[in-house]
């Protein structure tokens, strides 16, 4: 039995907002509830509703910029920067800028739609 697994076929999460989500490890791809790792590309002017997830989320920006509204504070990250947002924190993710934003998101435990608690 091998002591490693190389992901060659990430799960493409279906979206309706133009955002590309490729989950490499997590519930949908490798049935791993402990952690999820995804590469994402948020198009210009993209945003999600506020959410209060039951998991920590780490974000590392590869290209572009991404805006976070954490509780009531606006934080903007640029390429080469990263952030950790604690679980049970109200946050909104967006890319209000004119260029796509490419980034890696790591959730611990793994991203789970039933535990993200997006607002309507």
PDB file of N, CA and C in Angstrom:
ATOM      1  N   UNK A   1       0.842  -1.188   0.000  1.00  0.00           N
ATOM      2  CA  UNK A   1       0.000   0.000   0.000  1.00  0.00           C
ATOM      3  C   UNK A   1       0.888   1.252   0.000  1.00  0.00           C
ATOM      4  N   UNK A   2       0.550   2.190  -0.884  1.00  0.00           N
ATOM      5  CA  UNK A   2       1.322   3.427  -0.974  1.00  0.00           C
ATOM      6  C   UNK A   2       1.047   4.317   0.231  1.00  0.00           C
ATOM      7  N   UNK A   3       2.050   5.069   0.596  1.00  0.00           N
ATOM      8  CA  UNK A   3       1.956   5.999   1.720  1.00  0.00           C
ATOM      9  C   UNK A   3       1.634   7.416   1.246  1.00  0.00           C
ATOM     10  N   UNK A   4       1.223   7.563  -0.016  1.00  0.00           N
ATOM     11  CA  UNK A   4       0.870   8.878  -0.546  1.00  0.00           C
ATOM     12  C   UNK A   4      -0.185   8.726  -1.622  1.00  0.00           C
ATOM     13  N   UNK A   5      -0.807   9.852  -1.952  1.00  0.00           N
ATOM     14  CA  UNK A   5      -1.826   9.903  -3.001  1.00  0.00           C
ATOM     15  C   UNK A   5      -1.614  11.188  -3.783  1.00  0.00           C
ATOM     16  N   UNK A   6      -1.443  11.064  -5.085  1.00  0.00           N
ATOM     17  CA  UNK A   6      -1.298  12.228  -5.959  1.00  0.00           C
ATOM     18  C   UNK A   6      -2.652  12.512  -6.592  1.00  0.00           C
ATOM     19  N   UNK A   7      -3.152  13.715  -6.380  1.00  0.00           N
ATOM     20  CA  UNK A   7      -4.446  14.101  -6.939  1.00  0.00           C
ATOM     21  C   UNK A   7      -4.250  14.581  -8.368  1.00  0.00           C
ATOM     22  N   UNK A   8      -4.813  13.838  -9.304  1.00  0.00           N
ATOM     23  CA  UNK A   8      -4.714  14.205 -10.720  1.00  0.00           C
ATOM     24  C   UNK A   8      -6.063  14.606 -11.308  1.00  0.00           C
ATOM     25  N   UNK A   9      -7.116  14.426 -10.538  1.00  0.00           N
ATOM     26  CA  UNK A   9      -8.465  14.710 -11.045  1.00  0.00           C
ATOM     27  C   UNK A   9      -9.292  15.410  -9.968  1.00  0.00           C
ATOM     28  N   UNK A  10      -8.992  16.686  -9.687  1.00  0.00           N
ATOM     29  CA  UNK A  10      -9.776  17.393  -8.665  1.00  0.00           C
ATOM     30  C   UNK A  10     -11.245  17.494  -9.074  1.00  0.00           C
ATOM     31  N   UNK A  11     -12.099  17.591  -8.077  1.00  0.00           N
ATOM     32  CA  UNK A  11     -13.534  17.734  -8.301  1.00  0.00           C
ATOM     33  C   UNK A  11     -13.830  19.183  -8.657  1.00  0.00           C
ATOM     34  N   UNK A  12     -14.482  19.402  -9.777  1.00  0.00           N
ATOM     35  CA  UNK A  12     -14.899  20.746 -10.185  1.00  0.00           C
ATOM     36  C   UNK A  12     -16.270  20.995  -9.558  1.00  0.00           C
ATOM     37  N   UNK A  13     -16.312  21.901  -8.602  1.00  0.00           N
ATOM     38  CA  UNK A  13     -17.559  22.194  -7.901  1.00  0.00           C
ATOM     39  C   UNK A  13     -18.456  23.005  -8.824  1.00  0.00           C
ATOM     40  N   UNK A  14     -19.687  22.542  -9.057  1.00  0.00           N
ATOM     41  CA  UNK A  14     -20.589  23.312  -9.926  1.00  0.00           C
ATOM     42  C   UNK A  14     -20.964  24.645  -9.272  1.00  0.00           C
ATOM     43  N   UNK A  15     -20.849  25.730 -10.035  1.00  0.00           N
ATOM     44  CA  UNK A  15     -21.215  27.057  -9.529  1.00  0.00           C
ATOM     45  C   UNK A  15     -22.087  27.764 -10.553  1.00  0.00           C
ATOM     46  N   UNK A  16     -22.775  28.801 -10.110  1.00  0.00           N
ATOM     47  CA  UNK A  16     -23.614  29.598 -11.018  1.00  0.00           C
ATOM     48  C   UNK A  16     -23.146  31.042 -11.059  1.00  0.00           C
ATOM     49  N   UNK A  17     -22.008  31.341 -10.385  1.00  0.00           N
ATOM     50  CA  UNK A  17     -21.564  32.735 -10.270  1.00  0.00           C
ATOM     51  C   UNK A  17     -20.258  33.011 -11.020  1.00  0.00           C
ATOM     52  N   UNK A  18     -19.811  32.059 -11.851  1.00  0.00           N
ATOM     53  CA  UNK A  18     -18.602  32.273 -12.634  1.00  0.00           C
ATOM     54  C   UNK A  18     -17.315  31.919 -11.920  1.00  0.00           C
ATOM     55  N   UNK A  19     -17.403  31.513 -10.670  1.00  0.00           N
ATOM     56  CA  UNK A  19     -16.212  31.158  -9.889  1.00  0.00           C
ATOM     57  C   UNK A  19     -15.803  29.716 -10.204  1.00  0.00           C
ATOM     58  N   UNK A  20     -14.503  29.521 -10.421  1.00  0.00           N
ATOM     59  CA  UNK A  20     -13.969  28.174 -10.641  1.00  0.00           C
ATOM     60  C   UNK A  20     -13.475  27.629  -9.303  1.00  0.00           C
ATOM     61  N   UNK A  21     -13.958  26.450  -8.937  1.00  0.00           N
ATOM     62  CA  UNK A  21     -13.530  25.783  -7.704  1.00  0.00           C
ATOM     63  C   UNK A  21     -13.085  24.377  -8.060  1.00  0.00           C
ATOM     64  N   UNK A  22     -11.804  24.091  -7.825  1.00  0.00           N
ATOM     65  CA  UNK A  22     -11.251  22.750  -8.035  1.00  0.00           C
ATOM     66  C   UNK A  22     -10.830  22.204  -6.683  1.00  0.00           C
ATOM     67  N   UNK A  23     -11.637  21.305  -6.123  1.00  0.00           N
ATOM     68  CA  UNK A  23     -11.291  20.716  -4.833  1.00  0.00           C
ATOM     69  C   UNK A  23     -10.326  19.560  -5.066  1.00  0.00           C
ATOM     70  N   UNK A  24      -9.144  19.665  -4.482  1.00  0.00           N
ATOM     71  CA  UNK A  24      -8.127  18.616  -4.607  1.00  0.00           C
ATOM     72  C   UNK A  24      -8.260  17.563  -3.520  1.00  0.00           C
ATOM     73  N   UNK A  25      -8.584  18.005  -2.316  1.00  0.00           N
ATOM     74  CA  UNK A  25      -8.784  17.097  -1.192  1.00  0.00           C
ATOM     75  C   UNK A  25      -9.958  17.627  -0.391  1.00  0.00           C
ATOM     76  N   UNK A  26     -10.784  16.724   0.113  1.00  0.00           N
ATOM     77  CA  UNK A  26     -11.944  17.130   0.895  1.00  0.00           C
ATOM     78  C   UNK A  26     -13.051  16.117   0.785  1.00  0.00           C
ATOM     79  N   UNK A  27     -14.224  16.496   1.251  1.00  0.00           N
ATOM     80  CA  UNK A  27     -15.362  15.577   1.286  1.00  0.00           C
ATOM     81  C   UNK A  27     -15.765  15.145  -0.123  1.00  0.00           C
ATOM     82  N   UNK A  28     -15.912  16.088  -1.045  1.00  0.00           N
ATOM     83  CA  UNK A  28     -16.399  15.759  -2.391  1.00  0.00           C
ATOM     84  C   UNK A  28     -15.388  14.946  -3.199  1.00  0.00           C
ATOM     85  N   UNK A  29     -14.105  15.182  -2.994  1.00  0.00           N
ATOM     86  CA  UNK A  29     -13.076  14.568  -3.833  1.00  0.00           C
ATOM     87  C   UNK A  29     -12.505  13.284  -3.252  1.00  0.00           C
ATOM     88  N   UNK A  30     -12.069  13.346  -2.012  1.00  0.00           N
ATOM     89  CA  UNK A  30     -11.377  12.200  -1.411  1.00  0.00           C
ATOM     90  C   UNK A  30     -12.090  11.669  -0.169  1.00  0.00           C
ATOM     91  N   UNK A  31     -13.315  12.149   0.056  1.00  0.00           N
ATOM     92  CA  UNK A  31     -14.116  11.718   1.204  1.00  0.00           C
ATOM     93  C   UNK A  31     -13.377  11.948   2.524  1.00  0.00           C
ATOM     94  N   UNK A  32     -12.623  13.061   2.592  1.00  0.00           N
ATOM     95  CA  UNK A  32     -11.842  13.389   3.782  1.00  0.00           C
ATOM     96  C   UNK A  32     -12.549  14.517   4.536  1.00  0.00           C
ATOM     97  N   UNK A  33     -13.138  14.231   5.693  1.00  0.00           N
ATOM     98  CA  UNK A  33     -13.836  15.277   6.450  1.00  0.00           C
ATOM     99  C   UNK A  33     -12.901  16.149   7.295  1.00  0.00           C
ATOM    100  N   UNK A  34     -11.612  15.789   7.364  1.00  0.00           N
ATOM    101  CA  UNK A  34     -10.668  16.489   8.237  1.00  0.00           C
ATOM    102  C   UNK A  34     -10.180  17.812   7.651  1.00  0.00           C
ATOM    103  N   UNK A  35     -10.008  17.859   6.312  1.00  0.00           N
ATOM    104  CA  UNK A  35      -9.433  19.042   5.669  1.00  0.00           C
ATOM    105  C   UNK A  35      -9.908  19.094   4.220  1.00  0.00           C
ATOM    106  N   UNK A  36     -10.048  20.305   3.706  1.00  0.00           N
ATOM    107  CA  UNK A  36     -10.276  20.454   2.269  1.00  0.00           C
ATOM    108  C   UNK A  36      -9.273  21.464   1.732  1.00  0.00           C
ATOM    109  N   UNK A  37      -8.807  21.190   0.524  1.00  0.00           N
ATOM    110  CA  UNK A  37      -7.855  22.059  -0.162  1.00  0.00           C
ATOM    111  C   UNK A  37      -8.392  22.279  -1.570  1.00  0.00           C
ATOM    112  N   UNK A  38      -8.586  23.545  -1.924  1.00  0.00           N
ATOM    113  CA  UNK A  38      -9.143  23.868  -3.232  1.00  0.00           C
ATOM    114  C   UNK A  38      -8.413  25.035  -3.853  1.00  0.00           C
ATOM    115  N   UNK A  39      -8.266  24.960  -5.177  1.00  0.00           N
ATOM    116  CA  UNK A  39      -7.759  26.097  -5.954  1.00  0.00           C
ATOM    117  C   UNK A  39      -8.968  26.784  -6.554  1.00  0.00           C
ATOM    118  N   UNK A  40      -8.992  28.099  -6.460  1.00  0.00           N
ATOM    119  CA  UNK A  40     -10.154  28.847  -6.923  1.00  0.00           C
ATOM    120  C   UNK A  40      -9.732  30.036  -7.769  1.00  0.00           C
ATOM    121  N   UNK A  41     -10.621  30.398  -8.689  1.00  0.00           N
ATOM    122  CA  UNK A  41     -10.459  31.636  -9.452  1.00  0.00           C
ATOM    123  C   UNK A  41     -11.792  32.379  -9.369  1.00  0.00           C
ATOM    124  N   UNK A  42     -11.758  33.530  -8.688  1.00  0.00           N
ATOM    125  CA  UNK A  42     -12.946  34.365  -8.561  1.00  0.00           C
ATOM    126  C   UNK A  42     -12.889  35.428  -9.650  1.00  0.00           C
ATOM    127  N   UNK A  43     -13.935  35.493 -10.481  1.00  0.00           N
ATOM    128  CA  UNK A  43     -13.920  36.485 -11.559  1.00  0.00           C
ATOM    129  C   UNK A  43     -14.074  37.903 -11.022  1.00  0.00           C
ATOM    130  N   UNK A  44     -13.733  38.907 -11.836  1.00  0.00           N
ATOM    131  CA  UNK A  44     -13.936  40.295 -11.424  1.00  0.00           C
ATOM    132  C   UNK A  44     -15.397  40.536 -11.030  1.00  0.00           C
ATOM    133  N   UNK A  45     -15.596  41.340 -10.008  1.00  0.00           N
ATOM    134  CA  UNK A  45     -16.924  41.759  -9.522  1.00  0.00           C
ATOM    135  C   UNK A  45     -17.724  40.624  -8.874  1.00  0.00           C
ATOM    136  N   UNK A  46     -17.068  39.526  -8.517  1.00  0.00           N
ATOM    137  CA  UNK A  46     -17.732  38.385  -7.883  1.00  0.00           C
ATOM    138  C   UNK A  46     -17.902  38.623  -6.386  1.00  0.00           C
ATOM    139  N   UNK A  47     -18.967  38.076  -5.813  1.00  0.00           N
ATOM    140  CA  UNK A  47     -19.114  38.088  -4.353  1.00  0.00           C
ATOM    141  C   UNK A  47     -20.036  36.956  -3.926  1.00  0.00           C
ATOM    142  N   UNK A  48     -19.897  36.576  -2.660  1.00  0.00           N
ATOM    143  CA  UNK A  48     -20.762  35.575  -2.038  1.00  0.00           C
ATOM    144  C   UNK A  48     -21.538  36.257  -0.918  1.00  0.00           C
ATOM    145  N   UNK A  49     -22.638  35.639  -0.482  1.00  0.00           N
ATOM    146  CA  UNK A  49     -23.337  36.181   0.689  1.00  0.00           C
ATOM    147  C   UNK A  49     -22.483  36.026   1.952  1.00  0.00           C
ATOM    148  N   UNK A  50     -22.823  36.764   2.986  1.00  0.00           N
ATOM    149  CA  UNK A  50     -22.165  36.560   4.275  1.00  0.00           C
ATOM    150  C   UNK A  50     -22.403  35.130   4.731  1.00  0.00           C
ATOM    151  N   UNK A  51     -21.462  34.596   5.493  1.00  0.00           N
ATOM    152  CA  UNK A  51     -21.570  33.249   6.035  1.00  0.00           C
ATOM    153  C   UNK A  51     -20.885  33.198   7.395  1.00  0.00           C
ATOM    154  N   UNK A  52     -21.239  32.193   8.182  1.00  0.00           N
ATOM    155  CA  UNK A  52     -20.619  31.974   9.495  1.00  0.00           C
ATOM    156  C   UNK A  52     -20.282  30.490   9.597  1.00  0.00           C
ATOM    157  N   UNK A  53     -19.176  30.065   8.978  1.00  0.00           N
ATOM    158  CA  UNK A  53     -18.862  28.638   8.892  1.00  0.00           C
ATOM    159  C   UNK A  53     -18.404  28.018  10.206  1.00  0.00           C
ATOM    160  N   UNK A  54     -18.655  26.722  10.319  1.00  0.00           N
ATOM    161  CA  UNK A  54     -18.232  25.940  11.483  1.00  0.00           C
ATOM    162  C   UNK A  54     -16.839  25.351  11.269  1.00  0.00           C
ATOM    163  N   UNK A  55     -16.015  25.988  10.422  1.00  0.00           N
ATOM    164  CA  UNK A  55     -14.655  25.503  10.168  1.00  0.00           C
ATOM    165  C   UNK A  55     -13.731  26.703  10.002  1.00  0.00           C
ATOM    166  N   UNK A  56     -12.435  26.477  10.280  1.00  0.00           N
ATOM    167  CA  UNK A  56     -11.422  27.495  10.024  1.00  0.00           C
ATOM    168  C   UNK A  56     -11.198  27.550   8.522  1.00  0.00           C
ATOM    169  N   UNK A  57     -10.906  28.733   8.001  1.00  0.00           N
ATOM    170  CA  UNK A  57     -10.566  28.825   6.579  1.00  0.00           C
ATOM    171  C   UNK A  57      -9.287  29.635   6.420  1.00  0.00           C
ATOM    172  N   UNK A  58      -8.346  29.030   5.713  1.00  0.00           N
ATOM    173  CA  UNK A  58      -7.081  29.668   5.373  1.00  0.00           C
ATOM    174  C   UNK A  58      -7.146  30.013   3.892  1.00  0.00           C
ATOM    175  N   UNK A  59      -6.698  31.196   3.520  1.00  0.00           N
ATOM    176  CA  UNK A  59      -6.679  31.612   2.117  1.00  0.00           C
ATOM    177  C   UNK A  59      -5.289  32.134   1.779  1.00  0.00           C
ATOM    178  N   UNK A  60      -4.739  31.667   0.655  1.00  0.00           N
ATOM    179  CA  UNK A  60      -3.459  32.155   0.142  1.00  0.00           C
ATOM    180  C   UNK A  60      -3.707  32.695  -1.260  1.00  0.00           C
ATOM    181  N   UNK A  61      -3.373  33.960  -1.485  1.00  0.00           N
ATOM    182  CA  UNK A  61      -3.618  34.616  -2.772  1.00  0.00           C
ATOM    183  C   UNK A  61      -2.430  34.369  -3.710  1.00  0.00           C
ATOM    184  N   UNK A  62      -2.729  33.807  -4.883  1.00  0.00           N
ATOM    185  CA  UNK A  62      -1.704  33.544  -5.899  1.00  0.00           C
ATOM    186  C   UNK A  62      -1.587  34.728  -6.854  1.00  0.00           C
ATOM    187  N   UNK A  63      -2.743  35.186  -7.365  1.00  0.00           N
ATOM    188  CA  UNK A  63      -2.778  36.328  -8.295  1.00  0.00           C
ATOM    189  C   UNK A  63      -3.985  37.191  -7.978  1.00  0.00           C
ATOM    190  N   UNK A  64      -3.846  38.487  -8.218  1.00  0.00           N
ATOM    191  CA  UNK A  64      -4.971  39.397  -8.015  1.00  0.00           C
ATOM    192  C   UNK A  64      -5.138  39.798  -6.565  1.00  0.00           C
ATOM    193  N   UNK A  65      -6.357  40.240  -6.233  1.00  0.00           N
ATOM    194  CA  UNK A  65      -6.695  40.683  -4.883  1.00  0.00           C
ATOM    195  C   UNK A  65      -8.050  40.096  -4.507  1.00  0.00           C
ATOM    196  N   UNK A  66      -8.257  39.926  -3.200  1.00  0.00           N
ATOM    197  CA  UNK A  66      -9.531  39.426  -2.691  1.00  0.00           C
ATOM    198  C   UNK A  66      -9.921  40.251  -1.476  1.00  0.00           C
ATOM    199  N   UNK A  67     -11.217  40.567  -1.398  1.00  0.00           N
ATOM    200  CA  UNK A  67     -11.721  41.343  -0.273  1.00  0.00           C
ATOM    201  C   UNK A  67     -12.467  40.434   0.700  1.00  0.00           C
ATOM    202  N   UNK A  68     -12.239  40.662   1.982  1.00  0.00           N
ATOM    203  CA  UNK A  68     -12.909  39.948   3.059  1.00  0.00           C
ATOM    204  C   UNK A  68     -13.591  40.993   3.926  1.00  0.00           C
ATOM    205  N   UNK A  69     -14.842  40.788   4.274  1.00  0.00           N
ATOM    206  CA  UNK A  69     -15.465  41.584   5.330  1.00  0.00           C
ATOM    207  C   UNK A  69     -15.609  40.610   6.493  1.00  0.00           C
ATOM    208  N   UNK A  70     -14.801  40.835   7.526  1.00  0.00           N
ATOM    209  CA  UNK A  70     -14.734  39.942   8.679  1.00  0.00           C
ATOM    210  C   UNK A  70     -15.374  40.674   9.847  1.00  0.00           C
ATOM    211  N   UNK A  71     -16.533  40.129  10.295  1.00  0.00           N
ATOM    212  CA  UNK A  71     -17.381  40.846  11.242  1.00  0.00           C
ATOM    213  C   UNK A  71     -17.704  42.180  10.570  1.00  0.00           C
ATOM    214  N   UNK A  72     -17.149  43.301  11.001  1.00  0.00           N
ATOM    215  CA  UNK A  72     -17.431  44.592  10.343  1.00  0.00           C
ATOM    216  C   UNK A  72     -16.186  45.238   9.764  1.00  0.00           C
ATOM    217  N   UNK A  73     -15.110  44.482   9.638  1.00  0.00           N
ATOM    218  CA  UNK A  73     -13.837  45.043   9.167  1.00  0.00           C
ATOM    219  C   UNK A  73     -13.548  44.587   7.732  1.00  0.00           C
ATOM    220  N   UNK A  74     -13.150  45.524   6.875  1.00  0.00           N
ATOM    221  CA  UNK A  74     -12.779  45.195   5.497  1.00  0.00           C
ATOM    222  C   UNK A  74     -11.276  44.926   5.446  1.00  0.00           C
ATOM    223  N   UNK A  75     -10.912  43.760   4.910  1.00  0.00           N
ATOM    224  CA  UNK A  75      -9.514  43.361   4.755  1.00  0.00           C
ATOM    225  C   UNK A  75      -9.307  43.016   3.286  1.00  0.00           C
ATOM    226  N   UNK A  76      -8.245  43.546   2.678  1.00  0.00           N
ATOM    227  CA  UNK A  76      -7.930  43.234   1.281  1.00  0.00           C
ATOM    228  C   UNK A  76      -6.560  42.566   1.245  1.00  0.00           C
ATOM    229  N   UNK A  77      -6.517  41.366   0.643  1.00  0.00           N
ATOM    230  CA  UNK A  77      -5.256  40.644   0.492  1.00  0.00           C
ATOM    231  C   UNK A  77      -4.813  40.707  -0.952  1.00  0.00           C
ATOM    232  N   UNK A  78      -3.495  40.732  -1.151  1.00  0.00           N
ATOM    233  CA  UNK A  78      -2.896  40.734  -2.484  1.00  0.00           C
ATOM    234  C   UNK A  78      -2.048  39.485  -2.653  1.00  0.00           C
ATOM    235  N   UNK A  79      -1.583  39.245  -3.878  1.00  0.00           N
ATOM    236  CA  UNK A  79      -0.754  38.075  -4.190  1.00  0.00           C
ATOM    237  C   UNK A  79       0.400  37.955  -3.200  1.00  0.00           C
ATOM    238  N   UNK A  80       0.615  36.736  -2.712  1.00  0.00           N
ATOM    239  CA  UNK A  80       1.688  36.470  -1.769  1.00  0.00           C
ATOM    240  C   UNK A  80       1.276  36.606  -0.311  1.00  0.00           C
ATOM    241  N   UNK A  81       0.054  37.055  -0.065  1.00  0.00           N
ATOM    242  CA  UNK A  81      -0.426  37.186   1.312  1.00  0.00           C
ATOM    243  C   UNK A  81      -1.411  36.059   1.634  1.00  0.00           C
ATOM    244  N   UNK A  82      -1.554  35.791   2.930  1.00  0.00           N
ATOM    245  CA  UNK A  82      -2.496  34.765   3.361  1.00  0.00           C
ATOM    246  C   UNK A  82      -3.188  35.214   4.643  1.00  0.00           C
ATOM    247  N   UNK A  83      -4.276  34.504   4.967  1.00  0.00           N
ATOM    248  CA  UNK A  83      -5.067  34.833   6.150  1.00  0.00           C
ATOM    249  C   UNK A  83      -5.657  33.556   6.718  1.00  0.00           C
ATOM    250  N   UNK A  84      -5.861  33.544   8.023  1.00  0.00           N
ATOM    251  CA  UNK A  84      -6.619  32.482   8.691  1.00  0.00           C
ATOM    252  C   UNK A  84      -7.822  33.141   9.336  1.00  0.00           C
ATOM    253  N   UNK A  85      -9.007  32.613   9.062  1.00  0.00           N
ATOM    254  CA  UNK A  85     -10.236  33.117   9.673  1.00  0.00           C
ATOM    255  C   UNK A  85     -10.779  32.011  10.575  1.00  0.00           C
ATOM    256  N   UNK A  86     -10.976  32.334  11.836  1.00  0.00           N
ATOM    257  CA  UNK A  86     -11.442  31.361  12.823  1.00  0.00           C
ATOM    258  C   UNK A  86     -12.863  30.886  12.508  1.00  0.00           C
ATOM    259  N   UNK A  87     -13.170  29.668  12.920  1.00  0.00           N
ATOM    260  CA  UNK A  87     -14.533  29.151  12.742  1.00  0.00           C
ATOM    261  C   UNK A  87     -15.514  30.005  13.535  1.00  0.00           C
ATOM    262  N   UNK A  88     -16.771  29.958  13.116  1.00  0.00           N
ATOM    263  CA  UNK A  88     -17.857  30.710  13.749  1.00  0.00           C
ATOM    264  C   UNK A  88     -17.642  32.224  13.678  1.00  0.00           C
ATOM    265  N   UNK A  89     -16.966  32.684  12.617  1.00  0.00           N
ATOM    266  CA  UNK A  89     -16.754  34.107  12.361  1.00  0.00           C
ATOM    267  C   UNK A  89     -17.601  34.510  11.155  1.00  0.00           C
ATOM    268  N   UNK A  90     -18.361  35.583  11.284  1.00  0.00           N
ATOM    269  CA  UNK A  90     -19.173  36.065  10.159  1.00  0.00           C
ATOM    270  C   UNK A  90     -18.254  36.739   9.151  1.00  0.00           C
ATOM    271  N   UNK A  91     -18.318  36.260   7.900  1.00  0.00           N
ATOM    272  CA  UNK A  91     -17.397  36.737   6.867  1.00  0.00           C
ATOM    273  C   UNK A  91     -18.104  36.778   5.509  1.00  0.00           C
ATOM    274  N   UNK A  92     -17.665  37.728   4.687  1.00  0.00           N
ATOM    275  CA  UNK A  92     -18.093  37.757   3.286  1.00  0.00           C
ATOM    276  C   UNK A  92     -16.842  37.804   2.419  1.00  0.00           C
ATOM    277  N   UNK A  93     -16.816  36.944   1.410  1.00  0.00           N
ATOM    278  CA  UNK A  93     -15.707  36.892   0.456  1.00  0.00           C
ATOM    279  C   UNK A  93     -16.157  37.551  -0.841  1.00  0.00           C
ATOM    280  N   UNK A  94     -15.260  38.368  -1.451  1.00  0.00           N
ATOM    281  CA  UNK A  94     -15.615  38.990  -2.732  1.00  0.00           C
ATOM    282  C   UNK A  94     -14.358  39.402  -3.491  1.00  0.00           C
ATOM    283  N   UNK A  95     -14.572  39.654  -4.772  1.00  0.00           N
ATOM    284  CA  UNK A  95     -13.537  40.216  -5.642  1.00  0.00           C
ATOM    285  C   UNK A  95     -14.165  41.406  -6.359  1.00  0.00           C
ATOM    286  N   UNK A  96     -14.194  42.568  -5.706  1.00  0.00           N
ATOM    287  CA  UNK A  96     -14.813  43.741  -6.333  1.00  0.00           C
ATOM    288  C   UNK A  96     -13.901  44.422  -7.350  1.00  0.00           C
ATOM    289  N   UNK A  97     -12.766  43.816  -7.635  1.00  0.00           N
ATOM    290  CA  UNK A  97     -11.749  44.434  -8.481  1.00  0.00           C
ATOM    291  C   UNK A  97     -11.942  44.056  -9.945  1.00  0.00           C
ATOM    292  N   UNK A  98     -11.104  44.621 -10.820  1.00  0.00           N
ATOM    293  CA  UNK A  98     -11.265  44.465 -12.268  1.00  0.00           C
ATOM    294  C   UNK A  98     -10.475  43.297 -12.860  1.00  0.00           C
ATOM    295  N   UNK A  99      -9.793  42.518 -12.024  1.00  0.00           N
ATOM    296  CA  UNK A  99      -9.038  41.368 -12.529  1.00  0.00           C
ATOM    297  C   UNK A  99      -9.420  40.129 -11.733  1.00  0.00           C
ATOM    298  N   UNK A 100      -9.278  38.941 -12.336  1.00  0.00           N
ATOM    299  CA  UNK A 100      -9.577  37.718 -11.599  1.00  0.00           C
ATOM    300  C   UNK A 100      -8.639  37.563 -10.391  1.00  0.00           C
ATOM    301  N   UNK A 101      -9.108  36.824  -9.409  1.00  0.00           N
ATOM    302  CA  UNK A 101      -8.293  36.515  -8.230  1.00  0.00           C
ATOM    303  C   UNK A 101      -8.140  35.000  -8.148  1.00  0.00           C
ATOM    304  N   UNK A 102      -6.891  34.532  -8.187  1.00  0.00           N
ATOM    305  CA  UNK A 102      -6.610  33.106  -8.056  1.00  0.00           C
ATOM    306  C   UNK A 102      -6.055  32.861  -6.662  1.00  0.00           C
ATOM    307  N   UNK A 103      -6.592  31.843  -5.994  1.00  0.00           N
ATOM    308  CA  UNK A 103      -6.165  31.583  -4.625  1.00  0.00           C
ATOM    309  C   UNK A 103      -6.380  30.128  -4.232  1.00  0.00           C
ATOM    310  N   UNK A 104      -5.755  29.768  -3.130  1.00  0.00           N
ATOM    311  CA  UNK A 104      -5.915  28.452  -2.532  1.00  0.00           C
ATOM    312  C   UNK A 104      -6.701  28.644  -1.241  1.00  0.00           C
ATOM    313  N   UNK A 105      -7.710  27.808  -1.026  1.00  0.00           N
ATOM    314  CA  UNK A 105      -8.478  27.827   0.219  1.00  0.00           C
ATOM    315  C   UNK A 105      -8.320  26.475   0.907  1.00  0.00           C
ATOM    316  N   UNK A 106      -8.038  26.529   2.191  1.00  0.00           N
ATOM    317  CA  UNK A 106      -7.908  25.322   3.003  1.00  0.00           C
ATOM    318  C   UNK A 106      -8.881  25.457   4.164  1.00  0.00           C
ATOM    319  N   UNK A 107      -9.756  24.475   4.307  1.00  0.00           N
ATOM    320  CA  UNK A 107     -10.724  24.491   5.403  1.00  0.00           C
ATOM    321  C   UNK A 107     -10.441  23.313   6.324  1.00  0.00           C
ATOM    322  N   UNK A 108     -10.525  23.595   7.640  1.00  0.00           N
ATOM    323  CA  UNK A 108     -10.261  22.566   8.642  1.00  0.00           C
ATOM    324  C   UNK A 108     -11.279  22.698   9.747  1.00  0.00           C
ATOM    325  N   UNK A 109     -12.162  21.700   9.981  1.00  0.00           N
ATOM    326  CA  UNK A 109     -12.346  20.524   9.139  1.00  0.00           C
ATOM    327  C   UNK A 109     -12.811  20.913   7.738  1.00  0.00           C
ATOM    328  N   UNK A 110     -12.997  19.930   6.904  1.00  0.00           N
ATOM    329  CA  UNK A 110     -13.272  20.155   5.483  1.00  0.00           C
ATOM    330  C   UNK A 110     -14.518  21.011   5.250  1.00  0.00           C
ATOM    331  N   UNK A 111     -14.483  21.755   4.133  1.00  0.00           N
ATOM    332  CA  UNK A 111     -15.661  22.527   3.711  1.00  0.00           C
ATOM    333  C   UNK A 111     -16.851  21.588   3.611  1.00  0.00           C
ATOM    334  N   UNK A 112     -17.975  22.058   4.127  1.00  0.00           N
ATOM    335  CA  UNK A 112     -19.216  21.280   4.106  1.00  0.00           C
ATOM    336  C   UNK A 112     -20.357  22.274   3.940  1.00  0.00           C
ATOM    337  N   UNK A 113     -21.150  22.117   2.856  1.00  0.00           N
ATOM    338  CA  UNK A 113     -22.247  23.053   2.597  1.00  0.00           C
ATOM    339  C   UNK A 113     -23.222  23.130   3.772  1.00  0.00           C
ATOM    340  N   UNK A 114     -23.373  22.033   4.527  1.00  0.00           N
ATOM    341  CA  UNK A 114     -24.313  22.044   5.648  1.00  0.00           C
ATOM    342  C   UNK A 114     -23.746  22.781   6.855  1.00  0.00           C
ATOM    343  N   UNK A 115     -22.454  23.142   6.822  1.00  0.00           N
ATOM    344  CA  UNK A 115     -21.833  23.820   7.958  1.00  0.00           C
ATOM    345  C   UNK A 115     -21.301  25.206   7.628  1.00  0.00           C
ATOM    346  N   UNK A 116     -21.616  25.717   6.411  1.00  0.00           N
ATOM    347  CA  UNK A 116     -21.111  27.027   6.016  1.00  0.00           C
ATOM    348  C   UNK A 116     -22.050  28.161   6.472  1.00  0.00           C
ATOM    349  N   UNK A 117     -23.344  27.876   6.570  1.00  0.00           N
ATOM    350  CA  UNK A 117     -24.343  28.826   7.072  1.00  0.00           C
ATOM    351  C   UNK A 117     -24.328  30.149   6.320  1.00  0.00           C
ATOM    352  N   UNK A 118     -24.559  30.075   4.990  1.00  0.00           N
ATOM    353  CA  UNK A 118     -24.660  31.287   4.168  1.00  0.00           C
ATOM    354  C   UNK A 118     -25.982  31.988   4.429  1.00  0.00           C
ATOM    355  N   UNK A 119     -25.910  33.302   4.450  1.00  0.00           N
ATOM    356  CA  UNK A 119     -27.124  34.096   4.648  1.00  0.00           C
ATOM    357  C   UNK A 119     -27.833  34.270   3.304  1.00  0.00           C
ATOM    358  N   UNK A 120     -29.134  34.403   3.366  1.00  0.00           N
ATOM    359  CA  UNK A 120     -29.913  34.580   2.126  1.00  0.00           C
ATOM    360  C   UNK A 120     -29.890  36.033   1.691  1.00  0.00           C
TER     361      UNK A 120
END
